[in-house]
Amino acid sequence: MRRVASTLSKAVTKLEELCLAWGILGIAALTIGNVIARTFFGTSLAFAEEISQFLIVFVTFLGIGYAAGKGRHIRMTAVYDQLAEPRRKALTILISATTSALLFYLAYLATRYALGTMRTLGSVSPALRVPLWVVYLAAPLGFALGGVQYALALVKNLTTEGVWLSWETEDRYDELPPEGI
């Protein structure tokens, strides 16, 4: 089971890294291209702004899973930090399980919204006439990848010693710098 989870973690992380890198590069290229077009040709590229907006939505939702997989998500740890390791581990297991379930449920709801409501309405983007339900599919994809990452953190915590924030990130505190620095 751990080997399957490890392979899944690597595959999902690689997919997220690839999509996020290309998405951010695309945003940068389109923005720079639009500035050049405005500066030298006196006109803005309507499609550049629209695609950039689509990519921002895509990167935002895919970032959910990536941040969870790297253990870099927002955490509220005031109570958590005061607990002994066995209780921290139990709380981490509970948090991983409930967050994974919530993200999978949100993926389900977002899929219903994108494929149901948005598809039925037939909304399209103004410049490129792209059906908006296609763009909104980034939300369920991101939620599902986040759910997978939290499920992997759950498996890691159930099968190994220590407290793990994600499949690859152990919960530990770095040494404090010496006084006066």
N, C-alpha and C. Protein backbone atom coordinates (compact mmCIF):
# COMPACT_ATOMS: atom_id res chain seq x y z
N MET A 1 0.82 -1.20 0.00
CA MET A 1 0.00 0.00 0.00
C MET A 1 0.87 1.27 0.00
N ARG A 2 1.95 1.23 0.78
CA ARG A 2 2.82 2.41 0.83
C ARG A 2 3.50 2.65 -0.51
N ARG A 3 3.82 1.59 -1.24
CA ARG A 3 4.46 1.75 -2.54
C ARG A 3 3.49 2.37 -3.55
N VAL A 4 2.24 1.94 -3.51
CA VAL A 4 1.22 2.51 -4.39
C VAL A 4 1.00 3.99 -4.04
N ALA A 5 0.93 4.27 -2.75
CA ALA A 5 0.73 5.66 -2.30
C ALA A 5 1.92 6.53 -2.69
N SER A 6 3.12 5.99 -2.58
CA SER A 6 4.32 6.74 -2.95
C SER A 6 4.33 7.04 -4.44
N THR A 7 3.99 6.06 -5.25
CA THR A 7 3.92 6.26 -6.70
C THR A 7 2.85 7.27 -7.05
N LEU A 8 1.69 7.17 -6.40
CA LEU A 8 0.60 8.11 -6.64
C LEU A 8 1.03 9.53 -6.25
N SER A 9 1.70 9.65 -5.11
CA SER A 9 2.17 10.97 -4.66
C SER A 9 3.12 11.59 -5.66
N LYS A 10 4.07 10.81 -6.16
CA LYS A 10 5.03 11.32 -7.15
C LYS A 10 4.33 11.74 -8.44
N ALA A 11 3.39 10.92 -8.89
CA ALA A 11 2.68 11.21 -10.14
C ALA A 11 1.82 12.46 -10.02
N VAL A 12 1.08 12.57 -8.92
CA VAL A 12 0.22 13.74 -8.72
C VAL A 12 1.06 15.00 -8.57
N THR A 13 2.15 14.91 -7.81
CA THR A 13 3.03 16.08 -7.63
C THR A 13 3.63 16.51 -8.96
N LYS A 14 4.07 15.56 -9.77
CA LYS A 14 4.65 15.89 -11.07
C LYS A 14 3.61 16.56 -11.97
N LEU A 15 2.39 16.03 -11.99
CA LEU A 15 1.31 16.63 -12.77
C LEU A 15 1.03 18.06 -12.30
N GLU A 16 0.95 18.25 -10.99
CA GLU A 16 0.70 19.58 -10.45
C GLU A 16 1.83 20.55 -10.80
N GLU A 17 3.07 20.11 -10.64
CA GLU A 17 4.22 20.97 -10.96
C GLU A 17 4.23 21.37 -12.43
N LEU A 18 3.96 20.42 -13.28
CA LEU A 18 3.94 20.69 -14.72
C LEU A 18 2.84 21.69 -15.08
N CYS A 19 1.64 21.45 -14.58
CA CYS A 19 0.51 22.34 -14.88
C CYS A 19 0.73 23.74 -14.30
N LEU A 20 1.22 23.80 -13.07
CA LEU A 20 1.45 25.11 -12.44
C LEU A 20 2.56 25.88 -13.16
N ALA A 21 3.64 25.20 -13.50
CA ALA A 21 4.74 25.87 -14.19
C ALA A 21 4.29 26.43 -15.54
N TRP A 22 3.61 25.61 -16.33
CA TRP A 22 3.15 26.07 -17.65
C TRP A 22 2.09 27.15 -17.51
N GLY A 23 1.24 27.03 -16.50
CA GLY A 23 0.22 28.05 -16.28
C GLY A 23 0.84 29.40 -15.94
N ILE A 24 1.82 29.41 -15.06
CA ILE A 24 2.47 30.66 -14.67
C ILE A 24 3.28 31.23 -15.83
N LEU A 25 3.98 30.37 -16.55
CA LEU A 25 4.72 30.84 -17.72
C LEU A 25 3.76 31.42 -18.77
N GLY A 26 2.63 30.79 -18.94
CA GLY A 26 1.63 31.30 -19.89
C GLY A 26 1.10 32.67 -19.49
N ILE A 27 0.81 32.84 -18.21
CA ILE A 27 0.35 34.13 -17.71
C ILE A 27 1.40 35.21 -17.98
N ALA A 28 2.66 34.88 -17.66
CA ALA A 28 3.75 35.85 -17.86
C ALA A 28 3.90 36.20 -19.34
N ALA A 29 3.91 35.19 -20.21
CA ALA A 29 4.09 35.43 -21.64
C ALA A 29 2.94 36.26 -22.22
N LEU A 30 1.71 35.92 -21.83
CA LEU A 30 0.56 36.67 -22.34
C LEU A 30 0.55 38.10 -21.84
N THR A 31 0.91 38.29 -20.58
CA THR A 31 0.94 39.65 -20.03
C THR A 31 2.02 40.49 -20.71
N ILE A 32 3.20 39.93 -20.87
CA ILE A 32 4.29 40.64 -21.53
C ILE A 32 3.93 40.93 -22.99
N GLY A 33 3.36 39.94 -23.66
CA GLY A 33 2.94 40.14 -25.05
C GLY A 33 1.89 41.22 -25.17
N ASN A 34 0.98 41.28 -24.22
CA ASN A 34 -0.06 42.30 -24.25
C ASN A 34 0.52 43.70 -24.03
N VAL A 35 1.49 43.81 -23.13
CA VAL A 35 2.15 45.10 -22.89
C VAL A 35 2.89 45.55 -24.16
N ILE A 36 3.58 44.63 -24.80
CA ILE A 36 4.30 44.96 -26.04
C ILE A 36 3.31 45.40 -27.12
N ALA A 37 2.20 44.70 -27.24
CA ALA A 37 1.19 45.07 -28.24
C ALA A 37 0.62 46.46 -27.98
N ARG A 38 0.35 46.77 -26.71
CA ARG A 38 -0.17 48.09 -26.38
C ARG A 38 0.87 49.19 -26.62
N THR A 39 2.11 48.89 -26.28
CA THR A 39 3.17 49.89 -26.40
C THR A 39 3.51 50.18 -27.86
N PHE A 40 3.69 49.15 -28.65
CA PHE A 40 4.16 49.34 -30.02
C PHE A 40 3.05 49.43 -31.07
N PHE A 41 1.90 48.83 -30.79
CA PHE A 41 0.83 48.82 -31.78
C PHE A 41 -0.40 49.60 -31.35
N GLY A 42 -0.39 50.08 -30.11
CA GLY A 42 -1.48 50.90 -29.61
C GLY A 42 -2.79 50.18 -29.38
N THR A 43 -2.75 48.86 -29.36
CA THR A 43 -3.97 48.09 -29.13
C THR A 43 -3.69 46.92 -28.21
N SER A 44 -4.66 46.59 -27.41
CA SER A 44 -4.54 45.47 -26.48
C SER A 44 -5.03 44.20 -27.15
N LEU A 45 -4.46 43.08 -26.76
CA LEU A 45 -4.89 41.78 -27.28
C LEU A 45 -5.99 41.24 -26.38
N ALA A 46 -7.21 41.25 -26.85
CA ALA A 46 -8.36 40.83 -26.03
C ALA A 46 -8.20 39.38 -25.56
N PHE A 47 -7.70 38.54 -26.43
CA PHE A 47 -7.56 37.13 -26.07
C PHE A 47 -6.53 36.93 -24.98
N ALA A 48 -5.50 37.79 -24.91
CA ALA A 48 -4.43 37.63 -23.92
C ALA A 48 -4.96 37.81 -22.51
N GLU A 49 -5.78 38.83 -22.32
CA GLU A 49 -6.36 39.07 -21.00
C GLU A 49 -7.29 37.93 -20.59
N GLU A 50 -8.07 37.46 -21.54
CA GLU A 50 -9.02 36.40 -21.26
C GLU A 50 -8.32 35.09 -20.91
N ILE A 51 -7.34 34.71 -21.69
CA ILE A 51 -6.60 33.48 -21.41
C ILE A 51 -5.84 33.61 -20.09
N SER A 52 -5.30 34.79 -19.81
CA SER A 52 -4.62 35.01 -18.53
C SER A 52 -5.57 34.80 -17.36
N GLN A 53 -6.79 35.28 -17.49
CA GLN A 53 -7.78 35.08 -16.43
C GLN A 53 -8.09 33.59 -16.27
N PHE A 54 -8.23 32.88 -17.37
CA PHE A 54 -8.47 31.44 -17.30
C PHE A 54 -7.31 30.74 -16.59
N LEU A 55 -6.10 31.13 -16.95
CA LEU A 55 -4.92 30.51 -16.35
C LEU A 55 -4.80 30.82 -14.86
N ILE A 56 -5.20 32.02 -14.46
CA ILE A 56 -5.17 32.36 -13.03
C ILE A 56 -6.14 31.48 -12.25
N VAL A 57 -7.32 31.25 -12.80
CA VAL A 57 -8.28 30.35 -12.16
C VAL A 57 -7.68 28.95 -12.07
N PHE A 58 -7.10 28.48 -13.16
CA PHE A 58 -6.50 27.15 -13.22
C PHE A 58 -5.37 27.00 -12.19
N VAL A 59 -4.46 27.96 -12.16
CA VAL A 59 -3.31 27.91 -11.24
C VAL A 59 -3.78 27.99 -9.79
N THR A 60 -4.77 28.82 -9.52
CA THR A 60 -5.28 28.96 -8.16
C THR A 60 -5.81 27.64 -7.63
N PHE A 61 -6.65 26.98 -8.40
CA PHE A 61 -7.24 25.74 -7.91
C PHE A 61 -6.25 24.59 -7.91
N LEU A 62 -5.35 24.52 -8.88
CA LEU A 62 -4.35 23.47 -8.85
C LEU A 62 -3.35 23.68 -7.71
N GLY A 63 -3.19 24.91 -7.30
CA GLY A 63 -2.30 25.22 -6.19
C GLY A 63 -2.76 24.62 -4.87
N ILE A 64 -4.05 24.33 -4.74
CA ILE A 64 -4.57 23.72 -3.51
C ILE A 64 -3.87 22.39 -3.26
N GLY A 65 -3.87 21.52 -4.25
CA GLY A 65 -3.25 20.21 -4.10
C GLY A 65 -1.75 20.30 -3.93
N TYR A 66 -1.13 21.20 -4.69
CA TYR A 66 0.32 21.32 -4.61
C TYR A 66 0.76 21.80 -3.23
N ALA A 67 0.08 22.80 -2.70
CA ALA A 67 0.42 23.30 -1.36
C ALA A 67 0.20 22.21 -0.31
N ALA A 68 -0.87 21.46 -0.43
CA ALA A 68 -1.13 20.38 0.52
C ALA A 68 -0.06 19.30 0.41
N GLY A 69 0.35 18.98 -0.81
CA GLY A 69 1.36 17.95 -1.02
C GLY A 69 2.74 18.32 -0.49
N LYS A 70 3.00 19.61 -0.41
CA LYS A 70 4.29 20.08 0.12
C LYS A 70 4.19 20.46 1.59
N GLY A 71 3.01 20.30 2.18
CA GLY A 71 2.82 20.66 3.58
C GLY A 71 2.91 22.16 3.80
N ARG A 72 2.55 22.95 2.79
CA ARG A 72 2.69 24.41 2.84
C ARG A 72 1.33 25.11 2.90
N HIS A 73 0.31 24.39 3.28
CA HIS A 73 -1.01 24.99 3.39
C HIS A 73 -1.11 25.80 4.69
N ILE A 74 -2.10 26.62 4.79
CA ILE A 74 -2.30 27.44 5.99
C ILE A 74 -2.74 26.54 7.13
N ARG A 75 -2.09 26.71 8.27
CA ARG A 75 -2.46 25.92 9.45
C ARG A 75 -2.62 26.85 10.65
N MET A 76 -3.57 26.54 11.48
CA MET A 76 -3.77 27.25 12.74
C MET A 76 -3.26 26.31 13.83
N THR A 77 -2.14 26.63 14.44
CA THR A 77 -1.47 25.64 15.29
C THR A 77 -1.34 26.04 16.76
N ALA A 78 -2.09 27.02 17.23
CA ALA A 78 -1.94 27.46 18.61
C ALA A 78 -2.20 26.31 19.59
N VAL A 79 -3.28 25.58 19.42
CA VAL A 79 -3.59 24.44 20.30
C VAL A 79 -2.72 23.24 19.92
N TYR A 80 -2.60 23.00 18.64
CA TYR A 80 -1.84 21.85 18.12
C TYR A 80 -0.41 21.83 18.67
N ASP A 81 0.25 22.97 18.69
CA ASP A 81 1.64 23.05 19.15
C ASP A 81 1.80 22.71 20.62
N GLN A 82 0.75 22.82 21.39
CA GLN A 82 0.82 22.55 22.83
C GLN A 82 0.64 21.06 23.14
N LEU A 83 0.25 20.28 22.17
CA LEU A 83 -0.04 18.87 22.39
C LEU A 83 1.23 18.01 22.31
N ALA A 84 1.21 16.89 23.04
CA ALA A 84 2.28 15.91 22.93
C ALA A 84 2.16 15.21 21.58
N GLU A 85 3.25 14.57 21.14
CA GLU A 85 3.26 13.98 19.80
C GLU A 85 2.13 12.99 19.54
N PRO A 86 1.79 12.08 20.45
CA PRO A 86 0.68 11.16 20.13
C PRO A 86 -0.65 11.88 19.86
N ARG A 87 -0.89 12.96 20.61
CA ARG A 87 -2.13 13.72 20.37
C ARG A 87 -2.04 14.55 19.11
N ARG A 88 -0.84 15.08 18.81
CA ARG A 88 -0.67 15.81 17.55
C ARG A 88 -0.91 14.88 16.37
N LYS A 89 -0.40 13.65 16.50
CA LYS A 89 -0.59 12.68 15.41
C LYS A 89 -2.07 12.35 15.24
N ALA A 90 -2.78 12.14 16.35
CA ALA A 90 -4.21 11.84 16.28
C ALA A 90 -4.98 13.01 15.66
N LEU A 91 -4.62 14.22 16.05
CA LEU A 91 -5.28 15.40 15.49
C LEU A 91 -4.95 15.55 14.00
N THR A 92 -3.71 15.25 13.62
CA THR A 92 -3.32 15.32 12.20
C THR A 92 -4.08 14.29 11.39
N ILE A 93 -4.27 13.11 11.92
CA ILE A 93 -5.05 12.07 11.24
C ILE A 93 -6.49 12.54 11.05
N LEU A 94 -7.07 13.11 12.09
CA LEU A 94 -8.44 13.61 12.01
C LEU A 94 -8.54 14.74 10.98
N ILE A 95 -7.60 15.67 11.02
CA ILE A 95 -7.60 16.79 10.08
C ILE A 95 -7.42 16.30 8.64
N SER A 96 -6.49 15.38 8.42
CA SER A 96 -6.26 14.85 7.07
C SER A 96 -7.50 14.15 6.53
N ALA A 97 -8.13 13.33 7.37
CA ALA A 97 -9.32 12.59 6.93
C ALA A 97 -10.47 13.53 6.61
N THR A 98 -10.74 14.47 7.51
CA THR A 98 -11.89 15.36 7.28
C THR A 98 -11.63 16.34 6.13
N THR A 99 -10.41 16.82 6.01
CA THR A 99 -10.10 17.74 4.92
C THR A 99 -10.16 17.02 3.58
N SER A 100 -9.66 15.81 3.52
CA SER A 100 -9.73 15.02 2.30
C SER A 100 -11.19 14.80 1.90
N ALA A 101 -12.00 14.39 2.86
CA ALA A 101 -13.42 14.15 2.57
C ALA A 101 -14.10 15.44 2.11
N LEU A 102 -13.80 16.56 2.79
CA LEU A 102 -14.40 17.84 2.41
C LEU A 102 -13.98 18.25 1.00
N LEU A 103 -12.71 18.08 0.66
CA LEU A 103 -12.24 18.46 -0.68
C LEU A 103 -12.86 17.58 -1.75
N PHE A 104 -13.03 16.29 -1.49
CA PHE A 104 -13.70 15.43 -2.47
C PHE A 104 -15.17 15.83 -2.63
N TYR A 105 -15.81 16.22 -1.54
CA TYR A 105 -17.20 16.67 -1.62
C TYR A 105 -17.28 17.98 -2.41
N LEU A 106 -16.36 18.90 -2.14
CA LEU A 106 -16.33 20.15 -2.91
C LEU A 106 -16.06 19.88 -4.39
N ALA A 107 -15.23 18.90 -4.69
CA ALA A 107 -14.98 18.52 -6.09
C ALA A 107 -16.28 18.04 -6.74
N TYR A 108 -17.03 17.25 -6.00
CA TYR A 108 -18.32 16.77 -6.49
C TYR A 108 -19.28 17.93 -6.76
N LEU A 109 -19.38 18.85 -5.79
CA LEU A 109 -20.28 20.00 -5.96
C LEU A 109 -19.83 20.89 -7.11
N ALA A 110 -18.53 21.12 -7.22
CA ALA A 110 -18.00 21.97 -8.29
C ALA A 110 -18.23 21.32 -9.65
N THR A 111 -18.11 20.02 -9.72
CA THR A 111 -18.37 19.31 -10.98
C THR A 111 -19.84 19.46 -11.37
N ARG A 112 -20.72 19.28 -10.39
CA ARG A 112 -22.15 19.46 -10.67
C ARG A 112 -22.44 20.87 -11.15
N TYR A 113 -21.80 21.84 -10.53
CA TYR A 113 -22.02 23.24 -10.92
C TYR A 113 -21.51 23.50 -12.34
N ALA A 114 -20.28 23.06 -12.60
CA ALA A 114 -19.69 23.33 -13.92
C ALA A 114 -20.43 22.59 -15.03
N LEU A 115 -20.69 21.31 -14.82
CA LEU A 115 -21.32 20.51 -15.87
C LEU A 115 -22.84 20.66 -15.91
N GLY A 116 -23.41 21.07 -14.78
CA GLY A 116 -24.86 21.24 -14.73
C GLY A 116 -25.26 22.66 -15.01
N THR A 117 -25.13 23.51 -14.01
CA THR A 117 -25.60 24.89 -14.11
C THR A 117 -24.91 25.66 -15.22
N MET A 118 -23.60 25.70 -15.22
CA MET A 118 -22.87 26.52 -16.20
C MET A 118 -23.06 26.00 -17.63
N ARG A 119 -23.10 24.70 -17.76
CA ARG A 119 -23.28 24.13 -19.11
C ARG A 119 -24.69 24.41 -19.62
N THR A 120 -25.67 24.31 -18.72
CA THR A 120 -27.06 24.57 -19.10
C THR A 120 -27.26 26.03 -19.49
N LEU A 121 -26.62 26.94 -18.74
CA LEU A 121 -26.75 28.36 -19.05
C LEU A 121 -26.10 28.72 -20.38
N GLY A 122 -25.09 27.95 -20.76
CA GLY A 122 -24.44 28.19 -22.04
C GLY A 122 -23.58 29.44 -22.08
N SER A 123 -23.10 29.88 -20.92
CA SER A 123 -22.26 31.08 -20.87
C SER A 123 -20.94 30.84 -21.58
N VAL A 124 -20.50 31.86 -22.32
CA VAL A 124 -19.22 31.78 -23.03
C VAL A 124 -18.42 33.04 -22.73
N SER A 125 -17.12 32.93 -22.89
CA SER A 125 -16.26 34.10 -22.68
C SER A 125 -16.47 35.10 -23.82
N PRO A 126 -16.27 36.38 -23.54
CA PRO A 126 -16.58 37.40 -24.56
C PRO A 126 -15.68 37.37 -25.79
N ALA A 127 -14.38 37.22 -25.62
CA ALA A 127 -13.48 37.34 -26.76
C ALA A 127 -13.32 36.04 -27.54
N LEU A 128 -13.05 34.96 -26.84
CA LEU A 128 -12.76 33.69 -27.50
C LEU A 128 -13.98 32.77 -27.63
N ARG A 129 -15.06 33.13 -26.96
CA ARG A 129 -16.29 32.34 -26.99
C ARG A 129 -16.08 30.92 -26.44
N VAL A 130 -15.19 30.80 -25.46
CA VAL A 130 -14.95 29.51 -24.80
C VAL A 130 -16.09 29.26 -23.81
N PRO A 131 -16.68 28.09 -23.82
CA PRO A 131 -17.73 27.80 -22.83
C PRO A 131 -17.13 27.89 -21.42
N LEU A 132 -17.76 28.67 -20.54
CA LEU A 132 -17.20 28.90 -19.21
C LEU A 132 -17.21 27.65 -18.34
N TRP A 133 -18.08 26.70 -18.65
CA TRP A 133 -18.07 25.49 -17.85
C TRP A 133 -16.74 24.75 -18.00
N VAL A 134 -16.09 24.89 -19.13
CA VAL A 134 -14.78 24.27 -19.35
C VAL A 134 -13.75 24.90 -18.42
N VAL A 135 -13.80 26.21 -18.30
CA VAL A 135 -12.87 26.92 -17.42
C VAL A 135 -13.14 26.54 -15.96
N TYR A 136 -14.41 26.44 -15.59
CA TYR A 136 -14.77 26.14 -14.21
C TYR A 136 -14.44 24.71 -13.81
N LEU A 137 -14.08 23.86 -14.75
CA LEU A 137 -13.66 22.50 -14.39
C LEU A 137 -12.31 22.49 -13.65
N ALA A 138 -11.62 23.63 -13.66
CA ALA A 138 -10.38 23.73 -12.86
C ALA A 138 -10.68 23.57 -11.38
N ALA A 139 -11.84 24.03 -10.93
CA ALA A 139 -12.19 23.94 -9.51
C ALA A 139 -12.31 22.48 -9.04
N PRO A 140 -13.12 21.64 -9.69
CA PRO A 140 -13.19 20.26 -9.20
C PRO A 140 -11.87 19.51 -9.35
N LEU A 141 -11.10 19.84 -10.39
CA LEU A 141 -9.79 19.20 -10.55
C LEU A 141 -8.88 19.56 -9.38
N GLY A 142 -8.83 20.84 -9.04
CA GLY A 142 -7.99 21.28 -7.92
C GLY A 142 -8.45 20.70 -6.60
N PHE A 143 -9.77 20.70 -6.37
CA PHE A 143 -10.29 20.12 -5.13
C PHE A 143 -9.97 18.62 -5.05
N ALA A 144 -10.13 17.91 -6.16
CA ALA A 144 -9.85 16.47 -6.16
C ALA A 144 -8.37 16.19 -5.91
N LEU A 145 -7.48 16.96 -6.53
CA LEU A 145 -6.05 16.77 -6.28
C LEU A 145 -5.70 17.09 -4.83
N GLY A 146 -6.33 18.11 -4.27
CA GLY A 146 -6.13 18.41 -2.85
C GLY A 146 -6.63 17.27 -1.98
N GLY A 147 -7.78 16.70 -2.33
CA GLY A 147 -8.30 15.55 -1.59
C GLY A 147 -7.36 14.37 -1.64
N VAL A 148 -6.77 14.13 -2.80
CA VAL A 148 -5.78 13.04 -2.94
C VAL A 148 -4.58 13.30 -2.04
N GLN A 149 -4.10 14.54 -2.03
CA GLN A 149 -2.92 14.85 -1.21
C GLN A 149 -3.20 14.67 0.28
N TYR A 150 -4.37 15.10 0.74
CA TYR A 150 -4.71 14.90 2.15
C TYR A 150 -4.94 13.42 2.46
N ALA A 151 -5.49 12.66 1.51
CA ALA A 151 -5.64 11.22 1.71
C ALA A 151 -4.27 10.55 1.83
N LEU A 152 -3.32 11.01 1.01
CA LEU A 152 -1.96 10.47 1.10
C LEU A 152 -1.33 10.81 2.45
N ALA A 153 -1.58 12.01 2.96
CA ALA A 153 -1.07 12.39 4.28
C ALA A 153 -1.69 11.50 5.35
N LEU A 154 -2.96 11.18 5.20
CA LEU A 154 -3.64 10.27 6.13
C LEU A 154 -2.98 8.90 6.12
N VAL A 155 -2.74 8.36 4.93
CA VAL A 155 -2.09 7.05 4.81
C VAL A 155 -0.70 7.07 5.44
N LYS A 156 0.05 8.13 5.17
CA LYS A 156 1.40 8.25 5.72
C LYS A 156 1.37 8.25 7.24
N ASN A 157 0.44 9.01 7.82
CA ASN A 157 0.34 9.07 9.28
C ASN A 157 -0.14 7.76 9.89
N LEU A 158 -0.94 7.02 9.16
CA LEU A 158 -1.43 5.73 9.66
C LEU A 158 -0.40 4.62 9.54
N THR A 159 0.58 4.78 8.64
CA THR A 159 1.51 3.67 8.37
C THR A 159 2.95 3.92 8.82
N THR A 160 3.26 5.12 9.32
CA THR A 160 4.64 5.40 9.72
C THR A 160 4.68 6.11 11.07
N GLU A 161 5.87 6.12 11.65
CA GLU A 161 6.10 6.85 12.89
C GLU A 161 6.18 8.34 12.58
N GLY A 162 5.97 9.15 13.59
CA GLY A 162 6.08 10.59 13.44
C GLY A 162 4.78 11.20 12.95
N VAL A 163 4.80 12.52 12.88
CA VAL A 163 3.64 13.27 12.40
C VAL A 163 4.00 13.86 11.05
N TRP A 164 3.15 13.60 10.06
CA TRP A 164 3.42 14.02 8.67
C TRP A 164 2.34 14.98 8.20
N LEU A 165 2.77 16.12 7.67
CA LEU A 165 1.84 17.10 7.13
C LEU A 165 1.37 16.70 5.73
N SER A 166 2.21 15.95 5.03
CA SER A 166 1.88 15.44 3.70
C SER A 166 2.68 14.16 3.52
N TRP A 167 2.56 13.55 2.36
CA TRP A 167 3.29 12.31 2.11
C TRP A 167 4.79 12.51 2.26
N GLU A 168 5.29 13.68 1.89
CA GLU A 168 6.73 13.90 1.89
C GLU A 168 7.23 14.89 2.94
N THR A 169 6.34 15.51 3.72
CA THR A 169 6.75 16.55 4.66
C THR A 169 6.41 16.16 6.09
N GLU A 170 7.45 15.94 6.87
CA GLU A 170 7.26 15.62 8.28
C GLU A 170 7.06 16.92 9.06
N ASP A 171 6.23 16.86 10.09
CA ASP A 171 6.00 18.02 10.94
C ASP A 171 7.12 18.10 11.96
N ARG A 172 7.98 19.08 11.76
CA ARG A 172 9.08 19.28 12.71
C ARG A 172 9.39 20.76 12.77
N TYR A 173 10.03 21.12 13.84
CA TYR A 173 10.38 22.51 14.03
C TYR A 173 11.86 22.69 13.78
N ASP A 174 12.18 23.73 13.04
CA ASP A 174 13.58 24.04 12.81
C ASP A 174 14.18 24.62 14.08
N GLU A 175 15.45 24.45 14.19
CA GLU A 175 16.15 24.97 15.35
C GLU A 175 16.07 26.50 15.35
N LEU A 176 15.86 27.07 16.53
CA LEU A 176 15.82 28.53 16.62
C LEU A 176 17.21 29.11 16.45
N PRO A 177 17.31 30.30 15.85
CA PRO A 177 18.62 30.92 15.70
C PRO A 177 19.17 31.34 17.07
N PRO A 178 20.47 31.44 17.18
CA PRO A 178 21.06 31.87 18.46
C PRO A 178 20.57 33.26 18.85
N GLU A 179 20.58 33.53 20.16
CA GLU A 179 20.15 34.84 20.65
C GLU A 179 20.95 35.95 20.01
N GLY A 180 20.31 37.07 19.78
CA GLY A 180 20.98 38.25 19.25
C GLY A 180 21.06 38.31 17.73
N ILE A 181 20.55 37.30 17.05
CA ILE A 181 20.59 37.33 15.58
C ILE A 181 19.25 37.75 15.06
